[in-house]
Amino acid sequence: MLDTLDASTVRTWCRLALGALGQAREEIDALNVYPVPDGDTGTNLYLTVESAAVAVEECFAAGAEPALGETVTAMARGALIGARGNSGVILAQLLRGTAEVLAHGGEPERLRAALRRAAESAYQAVAEPVEGTLLTVAAAAAEAAGAAGGGLAETADTAYRAARRALQHTPEQLDVLAEAGVVDAGGRGLVAILGALADAVAGKTPMGPVALRQEIVQAERLMTEGPGCEGHERPPGPGHPAFEVIYLLDAPDEHLPALRARLGALGDSLVVGGGDGLWNVHVHVDDAGAAVEAGVEAGRPYQIRITHFAEAAARAGEREGAAPQGRAVLSVVSGSGLAELCEQAGAAVLLADPDRPPASAELAEALRRCAAREVVLLLNDPELRAAAGAAADQLREEGVRIAVLPTRSPVQGLAALAVHESARRFDEDVVAMTSAAGATRYAELAVAEGESWTMAGVCQAGDVLGLIDGDVAVIGADLLETGGTVLARMLAAGGELVTLVLGAGAPDGLADQLVAHARRQRPEVDTVVFAGGQEAAPLLIGVE
């Protein structure tokens, strides 16, 4: 059991928190009714934690484990710079308060003090704190952890359990939640983050690619742009300010009291987080220009984002009946050969690093580069679902119609591209592509990195794993034997077309022998072979 928090555990915490928020993002968005029912709290929290996680990963880039103080400071700064919305700025301030204490050590008593300091910092950042929100949940977690004492794991678990209990009581404290029949969205996000902390301290690690794919396949259906993906934005009620204004601000600490007073007089939902000369400012106002001018008077505002609530809500409704103004398909792949195949089929391509899946910001920028009114996004990897959802929401706010097809393998993406027709109506095109992807069974060969339990038994380092539809179905000694077994099992269920995509590590002759194998078993089946160049899997198999 871990006695002292270290940099690696903080890294694990960030990874687990990002995964938890990714899974709960849509649920949290749907809970969002306060302070503005704009349906983006889950997305904002996800993007904030993503920014924190990226900053932590950069600390480990040199190879050696960094110091705890360096890691938590990077986490807090990353969250501050990437904070989105009211909830994101409050979360960034919570992480800053946590880092101020943990920078001096990771003992259990420091974690308890860090949770107290986090709650205090968050309350101080909010101009008019309201109970029944994320603030209440943070305070309850800190109070319970401080009273319970105990070791590191007990402290983290106590904080998590107290946060869950406090979340259930938020409708009793805030009328708007009771009227909507929901708990607080920001509080729900904090529960996920504290749960990730408890898991990290208890020794849980982020799932590897094989295990993660298996879990996602069990829980996920192939989804597109269906009901609930859009249209949850609602304009603020009567009397609520019209604009949300967010910016980063370089300003000396002594200028902040005047800034808070000026912005407080202009609007509400004011949160100013940060310190040491760098601040993240969030406020709802009717005069967006005056809010920015207040920042200019205090220092240097930048990364300014202004959202008109009514226009954002109207765009969601308008997109349903909007006339097409160009359509694109964006395919995320790893491997130059796969990228060329997708481009030949008419898709734009985001070439992903096999060791670092693209973050939501990279996906959003790639979607913008498509310069199209309508975009179909082919993920080709189940690990990208959460980041893609956040990226798609950003583009929808900009008026782009997005359909996310969480194709789980590049062979499903190729099948979808084969039936894509831009002349069709968008919905019809998405349905056709979804059907083609869903009708394609997929498999891949991978080499085990260590001993692990799988659906096919225990594997050892160096074993060849044959995954069919995301589950380990075969454990073998070499690529050819395992590939032949996998292909035989897939063809036993029928099929008309076999697609083999060779990875960078595929041995010579593998494709020829598998083609011959397919012809012996099912002479009527057509087989096509492509050089994909992907690093992670020596072979991808698709059966349509």
Protein backbone atom coordinates (compact mmCIF):
# COMPACT_ATOMS: atom_id res chain seq x y z
CA MET A 1 0.00 0.00 0.00
CA LEU A 2 1.31 3.45 -0.92
CA ASP A 3 2.51 5.45 2.11
CA THR A 4 3.46 8.69 0.37
CA LEU A 5 2.11 10.31 -2.77
CA ASP A 6 4.72 10.50 -5.52
CA ALA A 7 4.95 11.89 -9.05
CA SER A 8 4.00 8.59 -10.71
CA THR A 9 0.83 8.37 -8.64
CA VAL A 10 -0.11 11.93 -9.60
CA ARG A 11 0.43 10.95 -13.23
CA THR A 12 -1.82 7.92 -12.75
CA TRP A 13 -4.41 10.12 -11.02
CA CYS A 14 -4.53 12.46 -14.01
CA ARG A 15 -4.85 9.58 -16.45
CA LEU A 16 -7.60 7.88 -14.45
CA ALA A 17 -9.45 11.18 -13.93
CA LEU A 18 -9.34 11.89 -17.65
CA GLY A 19 -10.71 8.43 -18.39
CA ALA A 20 -13.46 8.77 -15.78
CA LEU A 21 -14.54 12.17 -17.08
CA GLY A 22 -14.42 10.88 -20.63
CA GLN A 23 -16.86 8.13 -19.76
CA ALA A 24 -19.13 10.45 -17.75
CA ARG A 25 -18.85 13.54 -19.98
CA GLU A 26 -22.22 13.23 -21.70
CA GLU A 27 -23.96 12.35 -18.43
CA ILE A 28 -22.47 15.42 -16.73
CA ASP A 29 -23.36 17.65 -19.68
CA ALA A 30 -26.97 16.51 -19.35
CA LEU A 31 -27.01 17.44 -15.64
CA ASN A 32 -25.86 20.99 -16.36
CA VAL A 33 -28.63 23.40 -15.30
CA TYR A 34 -26.66 25.82 -13.10
CA PRO A 35 -25.45 28.56 -13.39
CA VAL A 36 -26.47 28.43 -17.07
CA PRO A 37 -28.19 25.39 -18.66
CA ASP A 38 -25.78 25.27 -21.60
CA GLY A 39 -24.97 21.55 -21.38
CA ASP A 40 -21.18 21.80 -21.36
CA THR A 41 -19.95 21.18 -17.79
CA GLY A 42 -18.76 17.64 -18.52
CA THR A 43 -16.93 18.79 -21.62
CA ASN A 44 -15.36 21.75 -19.80
CA LEU A 45 -14.13 19.57 -16.94
CA TYR A 46 -12.75 17.01 -19.39
CA LEU A 47 -10.82 19.67 -21.33
CA THR A 48 -9.47 21.17 -18.11
CA VAL A 49 -8.19 17.82 -16.82
CA GLU A 50 -6.85 16.96 -20.26
CA SER A 51 -4.73 20.12 -20.16
CA ALA A 52 -3.49 19.19 -16.68
CA ALA A 53 -2.68 15.64 -17.79
CA VAL A 54 -0.73 16.83 -20.82
CA ALA A 55 1.35 19.14 -18.60
CA VAL A 56 2.12 16.24 -16.25
CA GLU A 57 3.14 14.00 -19.16
CA GLU A 58 5.61 16.65 -20.27
CA CYS A 59 7.32 16.37 -16.86
CA PHE A 60 8.02 12.71 -17.63
CA ALA A 61 9.23 13.34 -21.17
CA ALA A 62 12.91 13.30 -20.17
CA GLY A 63 12.60 9.71 -18.94
CA ALA A 64 13.51 10.08 -15.26
CA GLU A 65 10.72 10.45 -12.71
CA PRO A 66 10.30 14.12 -11.76
CA ALA A 67 9.92 15.41 -8.23
CA LEU A 68 6.46 15.51 -6.70
CA GLY A 69 6.56 19.30 -6.39
CA GLU A 70 7.41 19.76 -10.06
CA THR A 71 4.63 17.39 -11.08
CA VAL A 72 1.79 18.87 -9.02
CA THR A 73 2.85 22.41 -9.98
CA ALA A 74 2.73 21.44 -13.66
CA MET A 75 -0.68 19.82 -13.12
CA ALA A 76 -2.10 22.97 -11.54
CA ARG A 77 -0.62 25.29 -14.17
CA GLY A 78 -1.83 23.06 -17.01
CA ALA A 79 -5.35 23.09 -15.58
CA LEU A 80 -5.28 26.86 -15.16
CA ILE A 81 -4.15 27.51 -18.73
CA GLY A 82 -6.62 25.03 -20.22
CA ALA A 83 -9.58 25.73 -17.91
CA ARG A 84 -12.93 25.96 -19.67
CA GLY A 85 -16.11 27.48 -18.29
CA ASN A 86 -17.13 28.23 -14.74
CA SER A 87 -16.57 24.67 -13.55
CA GLY A 88 -13.19 24.38 -15.24
CA VAL A 89 -11.82 27.52 -13.60
CA ILE A 90 -13.05 26.36 -10.18
CA LEU A 91 -11.46 22.95 -10.74
CA ALA A 92 -8.19 24.61 -11.75
CA GLN A 93 -8.24 26.55 -8.48
CA LEU A 94 -8.91 23.34 -6.55
CA LEU A 95 -5.86 21.76 -8.17
CA ARG A 96 -3.81 24.87 -7.47
CA GLY A 97 -4.70 24.70 -3.77
CA THR A 98 -3.84 21.00 -3.77
CA ALA A 99 -0.47 21.68 -5.40
CA GLU A 100 0.45 24.43 -2.93
CA VAL A 101 0.51 21.84 -0.15
CA LEU A 102 1.63 18.69 -1.96
CA ALA A 103 4.63 20.53 -3.42
CA HIS A 104 6.18 20.12 0.04
CA GLY A 105 5.49 16.39 0.43
CA GLY A 106 2.99 13.62 -0.17
CA GLU A 107 2.40 12.24 3.33
CA PRO A 108 -1.20 11.46 4.43
CA GLU A 109 -1.41 14.55 6.62
CA ARG A 110 -0.30 16.71 3.70
CA LEU A 111 -2.99 15.19 1.47
CA ARG A 112 -5.59 16.07 4.08
CA ALA A 113 -4.19 19.59 4.30
CA ALA A 114 -4.14 19.77 0.49
CA LEU A 115 -7.84 18.91 0.29
CA ARG A 116 -8.61 21.64 2.85
CA ARG A 117 -6.49 24.19 1.02
CA ALA A 118 -8.12 23.20 -2.28
CA ALA A 119 -11.62 23.87 -0.96
CA GLU A 120 -10.54 27.17 0.62
CA SER A 121 -8.89 28.32 -2.63
CA ALA A 122 -11.96 27.48 -4.66
CA TYR A 123 -14.29 29.41 -2.35
CA GLN A 124 -11.93 32.40 -2.48
CA ALA A 125 -11.88 32.33 -6.29
CA VAL A 126 -15.68 32.58 -6.59
CA ALA A 127 -17.07 36.09 -6.10
CA GLU A 128 -20.41 34.86 -4.72
CA PRO A 129 -20.11 31.24 -3.56
CA VAL A 130 -23.32 29.21 -3.80
CA GLU A 131 -23.96 26.01 -1.86
CA GLY A 132 -25.21 22.93 -3.61
CA THR A 133 -22.43 23.17 -6.17
CA LEU A 134 -18.94 21.81 -6.81
CA LEU A 135 -17.76 24.01 -3.92
CA THR A 136 -20.00 22.20 -1.44
CA VAL A 137 -18.82 18.81 -2.61
CA ALA A 138 -15.16 19.86 -2.31
CA ALA A 139 -15.69 21.21 1.21
CA ALA A 140 -17.46 18.02 2.34
CA ALA A 141 -14.65 15.86 0.99
CA ALA A 142 -12.00 17.93 2.74
CA GLU A 143 -13.86 18.00 6.05
CA ALA A 144 -14.47 14.25 6.13
CA ALA A 145 -10.89 13.40 5.17
CA GLY A 146 -9.53 15.73 7.84
CA ALA A 147 -11.73 14.24 10.54
CA ALA A 148 -11.04 10.62 9.64
CA GLY A 149 -7.25 10.71 9.62
CA GLY A 150 -5.56 7.45 8.65
CA GLY A 151 -3.16 6.57 5.86
CA LEU A 152 -2.99 7.81 2.30
CA ALA A 153 -5.48 5.32 0.86
CA GLU A 154 -7.93 5.82 3.71
CA THR A 155 -7.72 9.60 3.32
CA ALA A 156 -8.40 9.50 -0.42
CA ASP A 157 -11.20 6.96 -0.08
CA THR A 158 -12.86 8.93 2.72
CA ALA A 159 -12.77 12.10 0.63
CA TYR A 160 -14.32 10.27 -2.33
CA ARG A 161 -17.13 8.72 -0.27
CA ALA A 162 -17.93 12.03 1.42
CA ALA A 163 -18.05 13.74 -1.96
CA ARG A 164 -20.54 11.16 -3.21
CA ARG A 165 -22.77 11.72 -0.20
CA ALA A 166 -22.56 15.50 -0.53
CA LEU A 167 -23.46 15.29 -4.22
CA GLN A 168 -26.72 13.52 -3.43
CA HIS A 169 -27.73 16.40 -1.14
CA THR A 170 -27.06 19.19 -3.65
CA PRO A 171 -30.71 19.36 -4.83
CA GLU A 172 -31.70 20.16 -1.23
CA GLN A 173 -29.38 23.16 -1.26
CA LEU A 174 -30.06 24.63 -4.70
CA ASP A 175 -33.66 25.05 -5.88
CA VAL A 176 -32.82 24.97 -9.60
CA LEU A 177 -31.40 21.46 -9.16
CA ALA A 178 -34.47 20.26 -7.27
CA GLU A 179 -36.78 21.69 -9.94
CA ALA A 180 -34.85 19.89 -12.68
CA GLY A 181 -34.56 16.68 -10.65
CA VAL A 182 -30.77 16.48 -10.99
CA VAL A 183 -27.64 16.71 -8.87
CA ASP A 184 -25.02 19.37 -9.51
CA ALA A 185 -23.03 18.75 -12.69
CA GLY A 186 -19.76 20.22 -11.41
CA GLY A 187 -20.07 18.22 -8.20
CA ARG A 188 -20.63 15.06 -10.23
CA GLY A 189 -17.40 15.77 -12.10
CA LEU A 190 -15.48 16.31 -8.88
CA VAL A 191 -16.73 12.97 -7.56
CA ALA A 192 -15.23 11.31 -10.65
CA ILE A 193 -11.91 13.10 -10.07
CA LEU A 194 -11.76 12.17 -6.38
CA GLY A 195 -12.68 8.60 -7.28
CA ALA A 196 -9.71 8.57 -9.64
CA LEU A 197 -7.47 9.83 -6.83
CA ALA A 198 -8.66 7.04 -4.53
CA ASP A 199 -8.03 4.47 -7.27
CA ALA A 200 -4.56 5.85 -8.02
CA VAL A 201 -3.52 5.80 -4.37
CA ALA A 202 -4.90 2.26 -4.01
CA GLY A 203 -2.62 1.12 -6.82
CA LYS A 204 -5.00 0.97 -9.75
CA THR A 205 -3.32 1.82 -13.05
CA PRO A 206 -4.78 2.99 -16.36
CA MET A 207 -5.71 0.05 -18.54
CA GLY A 208 -3.36 -0.96 -21.31
CA PRO A 209 -4.55 -0.89 -24.92
CA VAL A 210 -5.75 -4.51 -25.00
CA ALA A 211 -7.67 -4.34 -21.71
CA LEU A 212 -9.08 -0.94 -22.55
CA ARG A 213 -10.36 -2.12 -25.91
CA GLN A 214 -12.04 -5.13 -24.28
CA GLU A 215 -13.84 -2.96 -21.72
CA ILE A 216 -14.97 -0.38 -24.26
CA VAL A 217 -16.24 -3.04 -26.64
CA GLN A 218 -18.40 -4.46 -23.85
CA ALA A 219 -19.88 -1.06 -22.97
CA GLU A 220 -20.03 0.82 -26.25
CA ARG A 221 -22.37 0.63 -29.22
CA LEU A 222 -21.37 1.96 -32.61
CA MET A 223 -22.81 5.45 -32.40
CA THR A 224 -23.37 8.34 -34.73
CA GLU A 225 -25.04 11.70 -34.53
CA GLY A 226 -28.16 10.56 -32.71
CA PRO A 227 -30.72 12.12 -30.40
CA GLY A 228 -29.07 13.89 -27.48
CA CYS A 229 -25.82 14.62 -29.30
CA GLU A 230 -26.97 18.10 -30.14
CA GLY A 231 -29.69 20.48 -29.12
CA HIS A 232 -29.14 20.33 -25.36
CA GLU A 233 -28.08 23.96 -25.25
CA ARG A 234 -30.77 26.22 -23.88
CA PRO A 235 -30.70 29.99 -23.70
CA PRO A 236 -30.36 31.52 -20.23
CA GLY A 237 -33.51 32.53 -18.45
CA PRO A 238 -34.86 36.07 -18.30
CA GLY A 239 -32.56 38.50 -16.55
CA HIS A 240 -29.44 36.40 -16.99
CA PRO A 241 -26.42 38.07 -18.65
CA ALA A 242 -26.08 37.44 -22.37
CA PHE A 243 -22.36 36.65 -22.67
CA GLU A 244 -19.78 34.36 -21.14
CA VAL A 245 -16.31 35.92 -21.15
CA ILE A 246 -13.16 33.92 -20.36
CA TYR A 247 -9.54 34.95 -20.66
CA LEU A 248 -6.09 34.34 -19.27
CA LEU A 249 -4.57 37.37 -17.59
CA ASP A 250 -1.01 38.34 -16.80
CA ALA A 251 -1.35 40.79 -13.92
CA PRO A 252 0.29 41.53 -10.58
CA ASP A 253 -1.56 40.19 -7.56
CA GLU A 254 -2.26 43.67 -6.22
CA HIS A 255 -4.41 44.50 -9.26
CA LEU A 256 -6.84 41.67 -8.59
CA PRO A 257 -9.09 43.30 -5.96
CA ALA A 258 -9.96 46.14 -8.35
CA LEU A 259 -10.54 43.67 -11.19
CA ARG A 260 -12.87 41.55 -9.07
CA ALA A 261 -14.82 44.62 -8.01
CA ARG A 262 -15.15 45.88 -11.59
CA LEU A 263 -16.24 42.53 -13.01
CA GLY A 264 -18.55 41.85 -10.07
CA ALA A 265 -20.40 45.07 -10.86
CA LEU A 266 -20.71 44.07 -14.54
CA GLY A 267 -22.24 40.62 -14.14
CA ASP A 268 -22.32 37.34 -12.21
CA SER A 269 -20.80 33.85 -12.09
CA LEU A 270 -17.44 35.54 -11.53
CA VAL A 271 -14.51 33.20 -10.90
CA VAL A 272 -10.91 34.39 -10.86
CA GLY A 273 -8.45 31.56 -10.34
CA GLY A 274 -4.68 31.41 -10.36
CA GLY A 275 -1.89 33.31 -8.67
CA ASP A 276 1.71 34.43 -8.96
CA GLY A 277 0.87 36.75 -11.84
CA LEU A 278 -1.15 34.32 -14.00
CA TRP A 279 -4.94 34.25 -13.72
CA ASN A 280 -7.91 32.65 -15.43
CA VAL A 281 -10.92 34.97 -15.48
CA HIS A 282 -14.50 33.82 -16.04
CA VAL A 283 -17.63 35.99 -15.86
CA HIS A 284 -21.17 36.26 -17.30
CA VAL A 285 -21.98 39.81 -18.44
CA ASP A 286 -24.17 41.81 -20.80
CA ASP A 287 -21.25 44.02 -21.88
CA ALA A 288 -18.50 41.69 -23.07
CA GLY A 289 -16.32 44.59 -24.20
CA ALA A 290 -16.33 46.13 -20.73
CA ALA A 291 -15.29 42.78 -19.21
CA VAL A 292 -12.29 42.61 -21.54
CA GLU A 293 -11.44 46.26 -20.88
CA ALA A 294 -11.37 45.51 -17.16
CA GLY A 295 -8.72 42.89 -17.89
CA VAL A 296 -6.72 45.40 -19.95
CA GLU A 297 -6.76 47.82 -17.03
CA ALA A 298 -5.48 45.09 -14.70
CA GLY A 299 -2.81 43.62 -16.98
CA ARG A 300 -2.57 41.71 -20.27
CA PRO A 301 -5.57 39.55 -21.19
CA TYR A 302 -5.13 36.89 -23.90
CA GLN A 303 -6.79 33.71 -25.19
CA ILE A 304 -10.04 35.65 -24.95
CA ARG A 305 -13.21 33.62 -25.55
CA ILE A 306 -16.62 35.28 -25.74
CA THR A 307 -19.79 33.20 -26.07
CA HIS A 308 -23.24 34.65 -26.71
CA PHE A 309 -25.55 32.21 -24.95
CA ALA A 310 -28.61 32.80 -27.14
CA GLU A 311 -26.63 32.48 -30.38
CA ALA A 312 -24.95 29.28 -29.20
CA ALA A 313 -28.36 27.78 -28.39
CA ALA A 314 -29.81 28.96 -31.70
CA ARG A 315 -26.98 27.41 -33.70
CA ALA A 316 -27.82 23.99 -32.28
CA GLY A 317 -31.39 24.28 -33.56
CA GLU A 318 -30.43 25.79 -36.90
CA ARG A 319 -28.00 22.99 -37.78
CA GLU A 320 -30.80 20.45 -38.16
CA GLY A 321 -32.28 22.28 -41.13
CA ALA A 322 -29.14 23.87 -42.51
CA ALA A 323 -28.40 23.35 -46.19
CA PRO A 324 -25.18 21.40 -46.83
CA GLN A 325 -22.20 23.60 -47.65
CA GLY A 326 -19.59 20.96 -48.32
CA ARG A 327 -18.84 17.71 -46.55
CA ALA A 328 -15.62 16.06 -45.46
CA VAL A 329 -14.55 12.82 -43.85
CA LEU A 330 -11.69 12.87 -41.34
CA SER A 331 -10.00 9.57 -40.59
CA VAL A 332 -7.60 9.12 -37.67
CA VAL A 333 -4.96 6.51 -38.47
CA SER A 334 -1.47 5.45 -37.44
CA GLY A 335 0.73 4.40 -40.34
CA SER A 336 1.68 6.09 -43.60
CA GLY A 337 0.17 3.32 -45.71
CA LEU A 338 -3.20 3.61 -43.98
CA ALA A 339 -3.05 7.39 -44.36
CA GLU A 340 -2.48 7.04 -48.11
CA LEU A 341 -5.36 4.56 -48.45
CA CYS A 342 -7.75 6.95 -46.70
CA GLU A 343 -6.61 9.91 -48.77
CA GLN A 344 -7.11 7.92 -51.98
CA ALA A 345 -10.68 7.23 -50.80
CA GLY A 346 -11.28 10.96 -50.43
CA ALA A 347 -10.78 11.45 -46.69
CA ALA A 348 -8.73 13.99 -44.83
CA VAL A 349 -6.29 12.29 -42.48
CA LEU A 350 -4.97 12.92 -39.00
CA LEU A 351 -1.82 10.82 -38.66
CA ALA A 352 -1.67 9.77 -35.00
CA ASP A 353 1.44 9.01 -32.99
CA PRO A 354 1.12 5.33 -31.93
CA ASP A 355 2.59 6.16 -28.51
CA ARG A 356 0.43 9.22 -27.85
CA PRO A 357 -3.21 9.29 -28.99
CA PRO A 358 -4.32 12.74 -30.17
CA ALA A 359 -5.88 14.97 -27.54
CA SER A 360 -9.19 16.73 -28.09
CA ALA A 361 -7.43 19.96 -29.12
CA GLU A 362 -5.58 18.14 -31.93
CA LEU A 363 -8.78 16.48 -33.10
CA ALA A 364 -10.64 19.81 -33.03
CA GLU A 365 -7.91 21.51 -35.06
CA ALA A 366 -7.93 18.67 -37.61
CA LEU A 367 -11.72 19.01 -37.92
CA ARG A 368 -11.34 22.76 -38.50
CA ARG A 369 -8.76 22.14 -41.24
CA CYS A 370 -11.41 20.17 -43.12
CA ALA A 371 -13.09 23.57 -43.72
CA ALA A 372 -16.45 21.88 -44.25
CA ARG A 373 -19.96 22.52 -42.99
CA GLU A 374 -20.44 18.80 -42.34
CA VAL A 375 -17.78 16.35 -41.19
CA VAL A 376 -17.88 12.62 -40.56
CA LEU A 377 -15.17 11.64 -38.08
CA LEU A 378 -13.79 8.08 -38.23
CA LEU A 379 -11.93 7.29 -35.01
CA ASN A 380 -10.60 3.81 -35.87
CA ASP A 381 -9.61 3.35 -32.23
CA PRO A 382 -11.94 2.99 -29.19
CA GLU A 383 -9.50 4.89 -26.97
CA LEU A 384 -10.30 8.12 -28.82
CA ARG A 385 -14.00 8.21 -28.04
CA ALA A 386 -13.86 10.66 -25.12
CA ALA A 387 -11.41 13.06 -26.76
CA ALA A 388 -13.41 12.95 -30.00
CA GLY A 389 -16.64 13.72 -28.19
CA ALA A 390 -15.10 16.82 -26.60
CA ALA A 391 -13.60 17.93 -29.92
CA ALA A 392 -16.90 17.44 -31.74
CA ASP A 393 -18.72 19.55 -29.18
CA GLN A 394 -16.25 22.38 -29.77
CA LEU A 395 -16.89 22.30 -33.52
CA ARG A 396 -20.65 22.11 -33.04
CA GLU A 397 -20.43 25.33 -31.06
CA GLU A 398 -18.77 26.84 -34.14
CA GLY A 399 -21.65 25.79 -36.38
CA VAL A 400 -20.14 22.64 -37.90
CA ARG A 401 -22.29 19.55 -38.12
CA ILE A 402 -20.33 16.56 -36.84
CA ALA A 403 -21.08 12.85 -36.92
CA VAL A 404 -18.68 10.73 -34.87
CA LEU A 405 -18.40 7.13 -36.04
CA PRO A 406 -16.34 5.41 -33.32
CA THR A 407 -14.98 2.80 -35.68
CA ARG A 408 -12.88 0.51 -33.53
CA SER A 409 -10.35 -0.48 -36.17
CA PRO A 410 -8.95 1.02 -39.37
CA VAL A 411 -10.55 -1.82 -41.34
CA GLN A 412 -13.97 -0.60 -40.21
CA GLY A 413 -12.94 2.91 -41.26
CA LEU A 414 -11.95 1.66 -44.71
CA ALA A 415 -15.29 -0.14 -45.04
CA ALA A 416 -17.13 3.06 -44.13
CA LEU A 417 -15.11 5.10 -46.63
CA ALA A 418 -15.90 2.61 -49.39
CA VAL A 419 -19.61 3.52 -49.28
CA HIS A 420 -19.22 7.27 -48.59
CA GLU A 421 -21.07 9.46 -51.11
CA SER A 422 -21.01 13.22 -50.55
CA ALA A 423 -23.95 13.67 -52.96
CA ARG A 424 -26.27 11.95 -50.49
CA ARG A 425 -28.01 13.77 -47.67
CA PHE A 426 -25.80 13.91 -44.59
CA ASP A 427 -27.98 11.62 -42.48
CA GLU A 428 -28.22 9.06 -45.28
CA ASP A 429 -24.47 9.11 -45.80
CA VAL A 430 -23.82 8.63 -42.07
CA VAL A 431 -26.28 5.72 -41.88
CA ALA A 432 -24.68 4.00 -44.88
CA MET A 433 -21.17 4.45 -43.49
CA THR A 434 -22.26 3.25 -40.05
CA SER A 435 -23.90 0.17 -41.53
CA ALA A 436 -20.78 -0.70 -43.54
CA ALA A 437 -18.54 -0.28 -40.50
CA GLY A 438 -20.87 -2.27 -38.27
CA ALA A 439 -21.02 -5.10 -40.81
CA THR A 440 -17.23 -5.46 -40.75
CA ARG A 441 -15.81 -7.81 -38.17
CA TYR A 442 -12.30 -6.82 -37.20
CA ALA A 443 -9.26 -8.49 -35.73
CA GLU A 444 -5.64 -7.71 -35.07
CA LEU A 445 -2.46 -9.40 -33.98
CA ALA A 446 -0.46 -7.93 -31.11
CA VAL A 447 2.59 -9.03 -29.16
CA ALA A 448 2.16 -9.29 -25.38
CA GLU A 449 4.44 -7.01 -23.40
CA GLY A 450 4.19 -9.02 -20.18
CA GLU A 451 2.22 -11.63 -18.28
CA SER A 452 -1.49 -10.85 -18.25
CA TRP A 453 -4.87 -12.49 -17.90
CA THR A 454 -7.00 -12.46 -21.05
CA MET A 455 -10.28 -13.95 -22.26
CA ALA A 456 -8.23 -16.75 -23.83
CA GLY A 457 -6.14 -17.48 -20.75
CA VAL A 458 -2.87 -16.22 -19.32
CA CYS A 459 -0.34 -14.86 -21.78
CA GLN A 460 3.39 -14.31 -21.31
CA ALA A 461 5.70 -11.63 -22.66
CA GLY A 462 6.39 -12.29 -26.35
CA ASP A 463 3.22 -14.29 -26.98
CA VAL A 464 1.24 -13.38 -30.08
CA LEU A 465 -2.30 -12.32 -29.22
CA GLY A 466 -5.13 -12.63 -31.70
CA LEU A 467 -7.92 -10.19 -30.88
CA ILE A 468 -11.32 -10.64 -32.56
CA ASP A 469 -13.81 -7.78 -32.19
CA GLY A 470 -11.72 -6.41 -29.32
CA ASP A 471 -11.41 -9.60 -27.25
CA VAL A 472 -8.29 -11.78 -27.03
CA ALA A 473 -9.45 -14.98 -28.68
CA VAL A 474 -6.15 -16.73 -29.49
CA ILE A 475 -2.75 -16.93 -27.81
CA GLY A 476 -0.04 -18.26 -30.11
CA ALA A 477 3.68 -18.57 -30.58
CA ASP A 478 4.14 -16.91 -33.97
CA LEU A 479 2.37 -14.48 -36.26
CA LEU A 480 1.55 -16.87 -39.09
CA GLU A 481 0.04 -19.61 -36.93
CA THR A 482 -1.96 -17.14 -34.83
CA GLY A 483 -3.06 -15.16 -37.88
CA GLY A 484 -4.27 -18.31 -39.60
CA THR A 485 -6.26 -19.39 -36.54
CA VAL A 486 -7.85 -15.95 -36.20
CA LEU A 487 -8.77 -15.80 -39.88
CA ALA A 488 -10.26 -19.31 -39.79
CA ARG A 489 -12.48 -18.41 -36.84
CA MET A 490 -13.67 -15.24 -38.53
CA LEU A 491 -14.47 -16.98 -41.82
CA ALA A 492 -16.34 -19.75 -39.99
CA ALA A 493 -19.03 -17.14 -39.29
CA GLY A 494 -19.26 -16.23 -42.98
CA GLY A 495 -17.99 -13.35 -45.07
CA GLU A 496 -17.55 -12.15 -48.63
CA LEU A 497 -14.45 -9.94 -48.48
CA VAL A 498 -11.28 -10.26 -46.38
CA THR A 499 -9.05 -7.23 -45.91
CA LEU A 500 -5.49 -7.72 -44.64
CA VAL A 501 -3.54 -4.62 -43.55
CA LEU A 502 0.13 -5.33 -42.92
CA GLY A 503 1.94 -3.45 -40.17
CA ALA A 504 5.52 -2.29 -40.12
CA GLY A 505 6.57 -5.42 -38.24
CA ALA A 506 4.86 -7.96 -40.52
CA PRO A 507 7.31 -10.64 -41.77
CA ASP A 508 7.76 -11.32 -45.46
CA GLY A 509 5.34 -13.86 -46.83
CA LEU A 510 2.72 -13.41 -44.11
CA ALA A 511 0.12 -11.97 -46.46
CA ASP A 512 0.66 -14.58 -49.18
CA GLN A 513 0.28 -17.45 -46.75
CA LEU A 514 -2.87 -15.98 -45.19
CA VAL A 515 -4.40 -15.36 -48.62
CA ALA A 516 -3.74 -18.99 -49.51
CA HIS A 517 -5.25 -20.06 -46.20
CA ALA A 518 -8.41 -18.07 -46.92
CA ARG A 519 -8.74 -19.56 -50.41
CA ARG A 520 -8.45 -23.10 -49.07
CA GLN A 521 -11.12 -22.53 -46.45
CA ARG A 522 -13.50 -20.33 -48.47
CA PRO A 523 -12.64 -20.27 -52.23
CA GLU A 524 -15.51 -17.88 -52.97
CA VAL A 525 -14.18 -15.14 -50.65
CA ASP A 526 -12.22 -12.24 -52.15
CA THR A 527 -9.07 -11.10 -50.34
CA VAL A 528 -7.30 -7.76 -50.63
CA VAL A 529 -3.96 -6.85 -49.07
CA PHE A 530 -2.70 -3.38 -48.13
CA ALA A 531 0.56 -2.17 -46.61
CA GLY A 532 -0.65 -0.09 -43.67
CA GLY A 533 2.67 0.66 -42.02
CA GLN A 534 1.12 0.81 -38.52
CA GLU A 535 3.56 0.22 -35.67
CA ALA A 536 1.26 -1.16 -32.99
CA ALA A 537 -0.22 -4.17 -34.80
CA PRO A 538 1.70 -6.41 -37.24
CA LEU A 539 -1.60 -7.34 -38.89
CA LEU A 540 -5.15 -6.01 -39.08
CA ILE A 541 -7.93 -8.21 -40.47
CA GLY A 542 -11.36 -7.21 -41.65
CA VAL A 543 -14.14 -9.54 -42.81
CA GLU A 544 -17.21 -8.04 -44.48
